[in-house]
Amino acid sequence: METRRPSLAEVVVPGLLAGVLFSVAAALFGRRDSGSAVAALNAPGHVIWGESALDERRFSYRHTLPGVVINLGAGLFWAAVMLTLFRGSTHRGLRGALLAGTSASLLAWIIDYHVLPRRLSPGIQERVSGGSLLAIHGLFGLGLAMGARLVGPPNRR
């Protein structure tokens, strides 16, 4: 069986959908858990700016925009991982796509919070509760799955 790398077009829809859902969920849960929706969006910027991004509670071009871009980039990266590792599942109906999206999100969780050093972690874990973080990653996986279903299987030539 030949393994085919996913095309950019196949990655963009699930990646951006997952990244947007992650960002929206982070903002909503961040507001509930820490009193600031923007603080959770700023948090990923700590990879660039250090602790100041984790402490910033207001919108700023310096912290908020890089944070959102990092979330969207992570969505694209994990969509590519999902489509590489679980491509067959994404094309076997909704259940298969949900399994693939959940698996990719679980892999992201393990790597982001248990393998990478804290300095390279997403940072939102500093702004939301553990339960909220679980819900955010659940929505991330749902975004990956929904996006994969929207794109559908690649055309056979």
N, C-alpha and C. Protein backbone atom coordinates (compact mmCIF):
# COMPACT_ATOMS: atom_id res chain seq x y z
N MET A 1 0.84 -1.19 0.00
CA MET A 1 0.00 0.00 0.00
C MET A 1 0.88 1.25 0.00
N GLU A 2 0.61 2.16 -0.90
CA GLU A 2 1.39 3.38 -1.02
C GLU A 2 0.85 4.44 -0.07
N THR A 3 1.75 5.08 0.69
CA THR A 3 1.35 6.15 1.58
C THR A 3 1.54 7.47 0.84
N ARG A 4 0.53 8.29 0.87
CA ARG A 4 0.56 9.58 0.18
C ARG A 4 0.50 10.70 1.21
N ARG A 5 1.38 11.66 1.05
CA ARG A 5 1.34 12.81 1.95
C ARG A 5 0.12 13.66 1.61
N PRO A 6 -0.50 14.26 2.62
CA PRO A 6 -1.66 15.10 2.33
C PRO A 6 -1.24 16.37 1.59
N SER A 7 -2.11 16.82 0.71
CA SER A 7 -1.83 18.06 -0.02
C SER A 7 -2.14 19.26 0.88
N LEU A 8 -1.62 20.40 0.50
CA LEU A 8 -1.88 21.62 1.25
C LEU A 8 -3.38 21.90 1.32
N ALA A 9 -4.08 21.69 0.22
CA ALA A 9 -5.53 21.92 0.18
C ALA A 9 -6.26 21.03 1.18
N GLU A 10 -5.81 19.79 1.32
CA GLU A 10 -6.45 18.87 2.26
C GLU A 10 -6.21 19.27 3.71
N VAL A 11 -5.08 19.91 3.98
CA VAL A 11 -4.69 20.29 5.34
C VAL A 11 -5.34 21.60 5.78
N VAL A 12 -5.53 22.52 4.84
CA VAL A 12 -5.97 23.88 5.19
C VAL A 12 -7.33 23.90 5.88
N VAL A 13 -8.32 23.21 5.34
CA VAL A 13 -9.67 23.30 5.91
C VAL A 13 -9.72 22.72 7.33
N PRO A 14 -9.29 21.48 7.56
CA PRO A 14 -9.34 20.99 8.94
C PRO A 14 -8.40 21.75 9.87
N GLY A 15 -7.25 22.17 9.35
CA GLY A 15 -6.29 22.88 10.19
C GLY A 15 -6.80 24.22 10.66
N LEU A 16 -7.34 25.00 9.74
CA LEU A 16 -7.86 26.31 10.13
C LEU A 16 -9.12 26.19 10.98
N LEU A 17 -9.98 25.25 10.65
CA LEU A 17 -11.19 25.05 11.45
C LEU A 17 -10.82 24.67 12.89
N ALA A 18 -9.88 23.75 13.04
CA ALA A 18 -9.44 23.34 14.38
C ALA A 18 -8.77 24.50 15.11
N GLY A 19 -7.94 25.26 14.40
CA GLY A 19 -7.26 26.39 15.03
C GLY A 19 -8.23 27.47 15.48
N VAL A 20 -9.25 27.73 14.67
CA VAL A 20 -10.26 28.72 15.04
C VAL A 20 -11.07 28.23 16.23
N LEU A 21 -11.52 26.96 16.20
CA LEU A 21 -12.27 26.43 17.34
C LEU A 21 -11.43 26.46 18.62
N PHE A 22 -10.16 26.11 18.51
CA PHE A 22 -9.26 26.14 19.66
C PHE A 22 -9.19 27.57 20.22
N SER A 23 -9.01 28.55 19.34
CA SER A 23 -8.88 29.94 19.78
C SER A 23 -10.16 30.46 20.41
N VAL A 24 -11.30 30.18 19.79
CA VAL A 24 -12.58 30.64 20.34
C VAL A 24 -12.84 29.98 21.69
N ALA A 25 -12.61 28.67 21.77
CA ALA A 25 -12.82 27.96 23.04
C ALA A 25 -11.86 28.47 24.10
N ALA A 26 -10.61 28.72 23.74
CA ALA A 26 -9.63 29.24 24.70
C ALA A 26 -10.09 30.59 25.24
N ALA A 27 -10.61 31.44 24.36
CA ALA A 27 -11.10 32.75 24.79
C ALA A 27 -12.29 32.62 25.73
N LEU A 28 -13.25 31.77 25.38
CA LEU A 28 -14.44 31.60 26.22
C LEU A 28 -14.10 31.00 27.57
N PHE A 29 -13.32 29.94 27.57
CA PHE A 29 -12.94 29.32 28.84
C PHE A 29 -11.97 30.20 29.62
N GLY A 30 -11.12 30.93 28.92
CA GLY A 30 -10.20 31.85 29.59
C GLY A 30 -10.96 32.94 30.33
N ARG A 31 -12.00 33.46 29.70
CA ARG A 31 -12.82 34.49 30.36
C ARG A 31 -13.47 33.92 31.61
N ARG A 32 -14.00 32.70 31.50
CA ARG A 32 -14.66 32.08 32.65
C ARG A 32 -13.66 31.77 33.76
N ASP A 33 -12.52 31.21 33.39
CA ASP A 33 -11.58 30.71 34.40
C ASP A 33 -10.64 31.76 34.97
N SER A 34 -10.25 32.74 34.14
CA SER A 34 -9.27 33.71 34.63
C SER A 34 -9.74 35.16 34.50
N GLY A 35 -10.99 35.34 34.03
CA GLY A 35 -11.54 36.68 33.94
C GLY A 35 -11.13 37.47 32.71
N SER A 36 -10.38 36.84 31.80
CA SER A 36 -9.95 37.54 30.60
C SER A 36 -9.94 36.59 29.41
N ALA A 37 -10.76 36.90 28.42
CA ALA A 37 -10.78 36.08 27.21
C ALA A 37 -9.47 36.23 26.44
N VAL A 38 -8.93 37.41 26.45
CA VAL A 38 -7.73 37.68 25.67
C VAL A 38 -6.49 37.04 26.29
N ALA A 39 -6.46 36.91 27.61
CA ALA A 39 -5.28 36.33 28.28
C ALA A 39 -4.95 34.95 27.73
N ALA A 40 -5.97 34.14 27.48
CA ALA A 40 -5.73 32.79 26.95
C ALA A 40 -5.24 32.85 25.50
N LEU A 41 -5.65 33.87 24.76
CA LEU A 41 -5.17 34.03 23.39
C LEU A 41 -3.73 34.56 23.36
N ASN A 42 -3.37 35.35 24.37
CA ASN A 42 -2.02 35.88 24.46
C ASN A 42 -1.01 34.80 24.86
N ALA A 43 -1.48 33.82 25.62
CA ALA A 43 -0.58 32.85 26.25
C ALA A 43 0.37 32.14 25.29
N PRO A 44 -0.06 31.68 24.10
CA PRO A 44 0.90 31.00 23.23
C PRO A 44 2.08 31.88 22.81
N GLY A 45 1.90 33.18 22.88
CA GLY A 45 2.98 34.10 22.55
C GLY A 45 4.16 34.02 23.50
N HIS A 46 4.01 33.27 24.60
CA HIS A 46 5.12 33.14 25.54
C HIS A 46 6.31 32.43 24.89
N VAL A 47 6.04 31.68 23.83
CA VAL A 47 7.13 31.02 23.09
C VAL A 47 8.06 32.09 22.49
N ILE A 48 7.49 33.23 22.11
CA ILE A 48 8.26 34.32 21.52
C ILE A 48 8.72 35.32 22.57
N TRP A 49 7.77 35.75 23.43
CA TRP A 49 8.01 36.88 24.32
C TRP A 49 8.27 36.49 25.77
N GLY A 50 8.23 35.23 26.09
CA GLY A 50 8.48 34.82 27.48
C GLY A 50 7.28 35.07 28.37
N GLU A 51 7.55 35.20 29.66
CA GLU A 51 6.51 35.31 30.67
C GLU A 51 5.57 36.50 30.48
N SER A 52 6.03 37.54 29.83
CA SER A 52 5.16 38.72 29.66
C SER A 52 3.89 38.37 28.90
N ALA A 53 3.95 37.42 27.99
CA ALA A 53 2.74 37.00 27.25
C ALA A 53 1.76 36.29 28.16
N LEU A 54 2.27 35.54 29.14
CA LEU A 54 1.38 34.84 30.07
C LEU A 54 0.71 35.80 31.03
N ASP A 55 1.33 36.94 31.28
CA ASP A 55 0.79 37.92 32.23
C ASP A 55 -0.13 38.94 31.58
N GLU A 56 -0.08 39.09 30.27
CA GLU A 56 -0.86 40.12 29.58
C GLU A 56 -2.34 39.71 29.51
N ARG A 57 -3.22 40.57 30.02
CA ARG A 57 -4.65 40.27 30.08
C ARG A 57 -5.46 41.07 29.05
N ARG A 58 -4.83 42.03 28.39
CA ARG A 58 -5.53 42.87 27.42
C ARG A 58 -5.03 42.57 26.01
N PHE A 59 -5.82 43.00 25.02
CA PHE A 59 -5.40 42.85 23.63
C PHE A 59 -4.14 43.67 23.40
N SER A 60 -3.20 43.07 22.70
CA SER A 60 -2.03 43.82 22.23
C SER A 60 -1.55 43.15 20.95
N TYR A 61 -1.07 43.97 20.03
CA TYR A 61 -0.53 43.39 18.79
C TYR A 61 0.66 42.49 19.10
N ARG A 62 1.42 42.85 20.11
CA ARG A 62 2.63 42.10 20.46
C ARG A 62 2.31 40.69 20.94
N HIS A 63 1.23 40.52 21.72
CA HIS A 63 0.93 39.22 22.31
C HIS A 63 -0.26 38.50 21.68
N THR A 64 -1.33 39.21 21.38
CA THR A 64 -2.55 38.56 20.91
C THR A 64 -2.40 38.01 19.49
N LEU A 65 -1.88 38.81 18.59
CA LEU A 65 -1.75 38.34 17.20
C LEU A 65 -0.82 37.14 17.08
N PRO A 66 0.37 37.16 17.69
CA PRO A 66 1.20 35.95 17.62
C PRO A 66 0.52 34.74 18.27
N GLY A 67 -0.21 34.98 19.35
CA GLY A 67 -0.91 33.87 20.01
C GLY A 67 -1.92 33.21 19.09
N VAL A 68 -2.71 34.02 18.41
CA VAL A 68 -3.72 33.47 17.49
C VAL A 68 -3.04 32.80 16.29
N VAL A 69 -2.00 33.42 15.76
CA VAL A 69 -1.28 32.82 14.63
C VAL A 69 -0.66 31.48 15.03
N ILE A 70 -0.13 31.40 16.24
CA ILE A 70 0.43 30.13 16.73
C ILE A 70 -0.68 29.08 16.81
N ASN A 71 -1.86 29.46 17.32
CA ASN A 71 -2.98 28.50 17.38
C ASN A 71 -3.37 28.01 15.99
N LEU A 72 -3.44 28.92 15.03
CA LEU A 72 -3.80 28.53 13.66
C LEU A 72 -2.71 27.65 13.05
N GLY A 73 -1.47 28.00 13.29
CA GLY A 73 -0.36 27.18 12.78
C GLY A 73 -0.36 25.79 13.39
N ALA A 74 -0.68 25.72 14.69
CA ALA A 74 -0.76 24.41 15.34
C ALA A 74 -1.89 23.59 14.73
N GLY A 75 -3.01 24.25 14.41
CA GLY A 75 -4.10 23.54 13.76
C GLY A 75 -3.67 22.94 12.43
N LEU A 76 -2.93 23.71 11.65
CA LEU A 76 -2.44 23.21 10.35
C LEU A 76 -1.47 22.05 10.56
N PHE A 77 -0.57 22.19 11.52
CA PHE A 77 0.39 21.11 11.79
C PHE A 77 -0.32 19.83 12.19
N TRP A 78 -1.26 19.92 13.14
CA TRP A 78 -1.93 18.71 13.62
C TRP A 78 -2.90 18.14 12.58
N ALA A 79 -3.42 18.98 11.69
CA ALA A 79 -4.22 18.45 10.58
C ALA A 79 -3.34 17.61 9.67
N ALA A 80 -2.13 18.09 9.40
CA ALA A 80 -1.20 17.31 8.56
C ALA A 80 -0.84 15.99 9.24
N VAL A 81 -0.62 16.04 10.55
CA VAL A 81 -0.33 14.80 11.30
C VAL A 81 -1.51 13.85 11.20
N MET A 82 -2.72 14.37 11.45
CA MET A 82 -3.92 13.52 11.40
C MET A 82 -4.07 12.88 10.03
N LEU A 83 -3.91 13.66 8.98
CA LEU A 83 -4.12 13.13 7.63
C LEU A 83 -3.00 12.18 7.21
N THR A 84 -1.85 12.31 7.81
CA THR A 84 -0.75 11.39 7.52
C THR A 84 -0.93 10.07 8.27
N LEU A 85 -1.26 10.16 9.55
CA LEU A 85 -1.36 8.95 10.37
C LEU A 85 -2.71 8.24 10.27
N PHE A 86 -3.78 9.01 10.10
CA PHE A 86 -5.13 8.44 10.20
C PHE A 86 -5.97 8.71 8.96
N ARG A 87 -5.34 8.90 7.82
CA ARG A 87 -6.06 9.26 6.59
C ARG A 87 -7.22 8.32 6.30
N GLY A 88 -6.99 7.02 6.39
CA GLY A 88 -8.05 6.06 6.09
C GLY A 88 -9.28 6.26 6.96
N SER A 89 -9.06 6.57 8.23
CA SER A 89 -10.18 6.77 9.15
C SER A 89 -11.00 7.99 8.80
N THR A 90 -10.34 9.06 8.33
CA THR A 90 -11.08 10.29 8.06
C THR A 90 -12.07 10.12 6.92
N HIS A 91 -11.88 9.11 6.09
CA HIS A 91 -12.77 8.90 4.94
C HIS A 91 -13.74 7.75 5.16
N ARG A 92 -13.85 7.28 6.38
CA ARG A 92 -14.78 6.18 6.69
C ARG A 92 -15.97 6.69 7.49
N GLY A 93 -16.55 7.76 7.05
CA GLY A 93 -17.74 8.27 7.70
C GLY A 93 -17.41 9.16 8.88
N LEU A 94 -18.47 9.66 9.51
CA LEU A 94 -18.33 10.58 10.63
C LEU A 94 -17.59 9.93 11.79
N ARG A 95 -17.92 8.70 12.11
CA ARG A 95 -17.28 8.01 13.23
C ARG A 95 -15.77 7.92 13.02
N GLY A 96 -15.36 7.56 11.81
CA GLY A 96 -13.93 7.46 11.51
C GLY A 96 -13.23 8.81 11.61
N ALA A 97 -13.89 9.85 11.10
CA ALA A 97 -13.31 11.19 11.18
C ALA A 97 -13.18 11.65 12.63
N LEU A 98 -14.22 11.37 13.44
CA LEU A 98 -14.15 11.74 14.86
C LEU A 98 -13.03 10.99 15.58
N LEU A 99 -12.86 9.73 15.25
CA LEU A 99 -11.77 8.95 15.84
C LEU A 99 -10.42 9.53 15.44
N ALA A 100 -10.26 9.88 14.18
CA ALA A 100 -9.00 10.46 13.71
C ALA A 100 -8.74 11.81 14.37
N GLY A 101 -9.75 12.67 14.42
CA GLY A 101 -9.59 13.99 15.04
C GLY A 101 -9.28 13.89 16.52
N THR A 102 -9.99 13.00 17.22
CA THR A 102 -9.74 12.79 18.64
C THR A 102 -8.34 12.24 18.88
N SER A 103 -7.93 11.31 18.05
CA SER A 103 -6.59 10.72 18.19
C SER A 103 -5.50 11.77 17.98
N ALA A 104 -5.67 12.61 16.96
CA ALA A 104 -4.68 13.66 16.70
C ALA A 104 -4.65 14.67 17.84
N SER A 105 -5.83 15.01 18.38
CA SER A 105 -5.89 15.95 19.49
C SER A 105 -5.25 15.36 20.75
N LEU A 106 -5.48 14.07 20.98
CA LEU A 106 -4.84 13.40 22.12
C LEU A 106 -3.33 13.39 21.96
N LEU A 107 -2.86 13.12 20.77
CA LEU A 107 -1.42 13.14 20.50
C LEU A 107 -0.86 14.55 20.74
N ALA A 108 -1.59 15.57 20.30
CA ALA A 108 -1.18 16.95 20.54
C ALA A 108 -1.09 17.23 22.04
N TRP A 109 -2.09 16.77 22.79
CA TRP A 109 -2.12 16.96 24.25
C TRP A 109 -0.88 16.33 24.88
N ILE A 110 -0.60 15.10 24.53
CA ILE A 110 0.55 14.39 25.11
C ILE A 110 1.85 15.13 24.80
N ILE A 111 2.03 15.50 23.55
CA ILE A 111 3.27 16.17 23.16
C ILE A 111 3.35 17.57 23.77
N ASP A 112 2.28 18.34 23.67
CA ASP A 112 2.30 19.73 24.16
C ASP A 112 2.50 19.84 25.67
N TYR A 113 1.89 18.94 26.44
CA TYR A 113 1.90 19.10 27.90
C TYR A 113 2.75 18.08 28.64
N HIS A 114 3.22 17.05 27.95
CA HIS A 114 3.99 16.02 28.64
C HIS A 114 5.34 15.71 28.01
N VAL A 115 5.59 16.20 26.80
CA VAL A 115 6.87 15.93 26.14
C VAL A 115 7.68 17.23 25.98
N LEU A 116 7.05 18.25 25.44
CA LEU A 116 7.76 19.52 25.22
C LEU A 116 8.10 20.19 26.55
N PRO A 117 9.20 20.93 26.59
CA PRO A 117 9.47 21.73 27.79
C PRO A 117 8.42 22.82 27.93
N ARG A 118 8.18 23.27 29.15
CA ARG A 118 7.15 24.28 29.43
C ARG A 118 7.31 25.49 28.52
N ARG A 119 8.52 25.89 28.24
CA ARG A 119 8.79 27.07 27.41
C ARG A 119 8.21 26.94 26.01
N LEU A 120 8.02 25.71 25.53
CA LEU A 120 7.46 25.48 24.19
C LEU A 120 6.02 24.99 24.22
N SER A 121 5.44 24.91 25.40
CA SER A 121 4.05 24.46 25.52
C SER A 121 3.11 25.57 25.04
N PRO A 122 1.84 25.25 24.78
CA PRO A 122 0.91 26.28 24.30
C PRO A 122 0.70 27.45 25.26
N GLY A 123 0.86 27.23 26.55
CA GLY A 123 0.72 28.32 27.51
C GLY A 123 -0.68 28.52 28.04
N ILE A 124 -1.71 28.09 27.31
CA ILE A 124 -3.07 28.34 27.80
C ILE A 124 -3.36 27.56 29.07
N GLN A 125 -2.59 26.51 29.32
CA GLN A 125 -2.78 25.75 30.55
C GLN A 125 -2.54 26.63 31.78
N GLU A 126 -1.88 27.77 31.59
CA GLU A 126 -1.65 28.72 32.68
C GLU A 126 -2.86 29.63 32.90
N ARG A 127 -3.79 29.64 31.96
CA ARG A 127 -4.92 30.59 32.01
C ARG A 127 -6.28 29.92 32.15
N VAL A 128 -6.35 28.59 31.99
CA VAL A 128 -7.63 27.88 32.11
C VAL A 128 -7.46 26.67 33.02
N SER A 129 -8.58 26.17 33.52
CA SER A 129 -8.57 24.99 34.39
C SER A 129 -8.28 23.73 33.57
N GLY A 130 -7.96 22.66 34.28
CA GLY A 130 -7.72 21.38 33.61
C GLY A 130 -8.94 20.89 32.84
N GLY A 131 -10.12 21.05 33.42
CA GLY A 131 -11.35 20.65 32.73
C GLY A 131 -11.59 21.47 31.48
N SER A 132 -11.31 22.76 31.57
CA SER A 132 -11.46 23.63 30.40
C SER A 132 -10.46 23.25 29.32
N LEU A 133 -9.25 22.93 29.73
CA LEU A 133 -8.22 22.52 28.76
C LEU A 133 -8.65 21.25 28.03
N LEU A 134 -9.26 20.33 28.76
CA LEU A 134 -9.77 19.11 28.15
C LEU A 134 -10.87 19.44 27.13
N ALA A 135 -11.79 20.34 27.50
CA ALA A 135 -12.86 20.73 26.59
C ALA A 135 -12.31 21.43 25.34
N ILE A 136 -11.32 22.28 25.53
CA ILE A 136 -10.70 22.99 24.40
C ILE A 136 -10.08 21.99 23.44
N HIS A 137 -9.38 21.00 23.97
CA HIS A 137 -8.77 19.99 23.10
C HIS A 137 -9.83 19.10 22.46
N GLY A 138 -10.94 18.87 23.15
CA GLY A 138 -12.03 18.13 22.53
C GLY A 138 -12.59 18.87 21.33
N LEU A 139 -12.76 20.18 21.47
CA LEU A 139 -13.24 20.99 20.35
C LEU A 139 -12.20 21.07 19.23
N PHE A 140 -10.94 21.06 19.60
CA PHE A 140 -9.86 21.03 18.60
C PHE A 140 -9.97 19.76 17.76
N GLY A 141 -10.15 18.62 18.42
CA GLY A 141 -10.31 17.35 17.71
C GLY A 141 -11.56 17.35 16.84
N LEU A 142 -12.64 17.95 17.35
CA LEU A 142 -13.87 18.05 16.57
C LEU A 142 -13.64 18.90 15.32
N GLY A 143 -12.90 19.99 15.45
CA GLY A 143 -12.58 20.82 14.30
C GLY A 143 -11.77 20.07 13.25
N LEU A 144 -10.80 19.28 13.71
CA LEU A 144 -10.03 18.46 12.77
C LEU A 144 -10.94 17.49 12.03
N ALA A 145 -11.82 16.84 12.78
CA ALA A 145 -12.72 15.84 12.18
C ALA A 145 -13.70 16.49 11.20
N MET A 146 -14.32 17.59 11.62
CA MET A 146 -15.29 18.26 10.75
C MET A 146 -14.62 18.76 9.47
N GLY A 147 -13.43 19.32 9.62
CA GLY A 147 -12.70 19.81 8.46
C GLY A 147 -12.34 18.70 7.49
N ALA A 148 -11.92 17.56 8.04
CA ALA A 148 -11.58 16.42 7.18
C ALA A 148 -12.81 15.93 6.43
N ARG A 149 -13.96 15.93 7.09
CA ARG A 149 -15.20 15.51 6.42
C ARG A 149 -15.61 16.52 5.35
N LEU A 150 -15.40 17.80 5.59
CA LEU A 150 -15.74 18.81 4.59
C LEU A 150 -14.89 18.67 3.34
N VAL A 151 -13.61 18.37 3.53
CA VAL A 151 -12.71 18.21 2.38
C VAL A 151 -13.02 16.93 1.64
N GLY A 152 -13.33 15.87 2.38
CA GLY A 152 -13.65 14.58 1.76
C GLY A 152 -12.42 13.86 1.27
N PRO A 153 -12.61 12.67 0.72
CA PRO A 153 -11.46 11.89 0.24
C PRO A 153 -10.83 12.55 -0.98
N PRO A 154 -9.52 12.35 -1.15
CA PRO A 154 -8.86 12.92 -2.33
C PRO A 154 -9.37 12.27 -3.61
N ASN A 155 -9.36 13.03 -4.68
CA ASN A 155 -9.78 12.48 -5.98
C ASN A 155 -8.78 11.43 -6.43
N ARG A 156 -9.28 10.36 -6.92
CA ARG A 156 -8.41 9.30 -7.44
C ARG A 156 -8.15 9.58 -8.92
N ARG A 157 -6.91 9.52 -9.32
CA ARG A 157 -6.58 9.78 -10.73
C ARG A 157 -6.15 8.53 -11.41
